[in-house]
Structure formats: C-alpha cells, structure tokens
Amino acid sequence: MHSIGFLVFPGFQVMGFTAVTAFEVANLTSGRELYRITLLSEAGGHIRSSAGFSVETEAFGDAAFDSLFIGAATEVSSTSPAILDYIRRAAKSARRVAAPCTGAFALAEAGLLDGRRATTHWVFARELRDRFPALKVDEDKIFIIDGSIWTSAGMTATIDLALAMIEKDHGEELARTVARKLVVYHRRAGGQSQFSTLLELEPKSDRVQRALDFAGRNLRKIVSVEELAEAASLSPRQFNRVFRSETGQSPAKAIENMRVEAARLMIEDGRHSMDEIATEVGFADSARMRRAFLRVLGQPPQTIRRNVRTFG
C-alpha cells in the first residue's frame, strides 16, 4: 500500500484533486487499497478551496509518506515558511515528491528544484524561469520526472502525472484501465503547446480576428499576407505589425499552428488518411504535415493516431 500525503492550503485549486480520483479508481479497479491518501495542511481542520467549498485536513507532522503531493493554486503567491520547512523535511523520507501546476513554485522556494528540470502550467512558465534561474523549465512538457521530483503542467495534466505513477507502481495494464475508466488518454500525445498556442492567438481587435477567421475558412489554399491584410482592412505592412503586436506571432506561424490543430482534430476523428488530411488542411503532402507537427507539438501525426486507436 502506497501512502500519499496531499498538502493543501487556503485557496487551493480543486483540479489538483483529479490525481486523487485517479488513485481512487486504481483502488476500485484492483479491489484493494493500493493507495491511501491523507489531506494535509499547516494547522489541520477545514481548508477552503478556490471554488468555495472546504475539505477536512490533518496538521502535518512527522508522519512519513511514500509520495508527497503539493497542491496548486489559481495564481502564484509566496509559500509560508512553515510549509516550506515541512516540504524540505518530508522530501527527505518520501520516495517521490510531486508538484502539479503552481506547486512547482513551492518546491523551487524550498530549494528542491535547484539544478533540476521541471514544468508548470504554460501561463506561469516564464515567471518560474525568471524567479528561479537555478532550475531548467520546460514549458511544453505535460509532466517531467527528474529523480524523485515529479512536476506537471496545470489542470488535467495532474491526471497524466497520476497515471504515470500508477504505471510505475503497478504496471501498464492497470494504468491503461484506470485511464479508460476516467475517459482520458493513457499517454497523451504532444505537449502543452497544442493547447496554449491557439489560445495565445486571441487578438485584441476585431480586424485581426477577421483575418484569423478568413485564414480558418481557407486553410486548404495558400493564403497570402495581402489577402489577410485585406480581410483586416489594413495595408500589408500595417497588418504584419498589428498582427505581431496582438498575437506575438507572425501570420505564417499562426496559420501553421491553425493547420496543425485542424489536422490533429481530423486525425483523432480517424476517418481520413494522412495524405487526405494533409491536403484538406493545406499542408500539400504528409511529409510537410509531419515536419509541422514536430515543430508545433513535438510529436509526429502517426503517434497521435496510434494513441487514439489504443485509447479507443
């Protein structure tokens, strides 16, 4: 039986509890208590979440846990000295320490990430890198294991982290079964970029949005900057400047990302060949589409299709 201490604090983000659900399903699937979870806090008692409801916790003390989870928050704030001290002490006896999302900041403050690789939610990756230059931040990873330290991206990436732990502890078959029952991928293809790239394109003006809408309707053809500028009612020179200012990307890069996203959805649908998909979204051939997937997602299209088939 693996004991897990799950450390929370006022305002903790409830999506972190998806890891708890994964361990719960592992217990139910196996018919025995593979994981025992204890909710911990600095003073114990009721701790209110960011969603407004509270959970009952125990005050952390000298109990040793096989795994220690650090809760995440919806924003980054300083960790109390008492919690940092507890993390340092608990890390000495725990087999592994896990920090989903913003929990990585607490590990970094405690000095546990110095010289290590780590990840966090893509929104906070730059801040983590700037505040703690002694660690290497890889903002595109869903999760990273560096020795005994496990970090993950935010939100549902906590499930990916928990599934990886279940597989390491009890084998691939159980992890795959738990994933099926949770209706998620056993191993998700790609990195955070597949979710953050298009979100970052959200423009500040209607004119750039009109250009993006035009590009989206015409992915199959070669779309020139002049056509995009016309859709935005700007000169090509003005359009390039405004587009970069509002999206942080060049028009060509944004269109490539849109094509990759459209192709990924068609691959997951499973009804078309790679050549058909490449033609439909404007890559001309599957070789060019593969190179774009590697640039944007870090995975070839075939890996995504294989994962979809495995999951289904």
Foldseek 3Di string as FASTA:
>chain_A
DFEEEEEDAAAFACLLCVLVVLQVVLCVVVVHNPYDYAYEYQPFQWHAYNVGHTDGHDYDDQDAGQEYEYTHHPDDDDDDPSVLVVVVNNVVRHQAYEYAANRVVSCVVSVNQQCEEWEHALVCQVVVCVVRVRHHYDHFAQWDDDRRYIYGYDRPSSLQVSLVVCCVVPNDVSSLVSCLVVVHFSDAAFTCLLVVLLVLQPFPDPLQVQLVVVLLVVQLDDDDLCNSCVSSVHHSVVCQVRSCVGRVDGPVLSSLSSLLNQLLVVLLVPPDDLQVSCNVRHVNGNVSSQVSCCVRGVDGSVVSNVRSVVSD
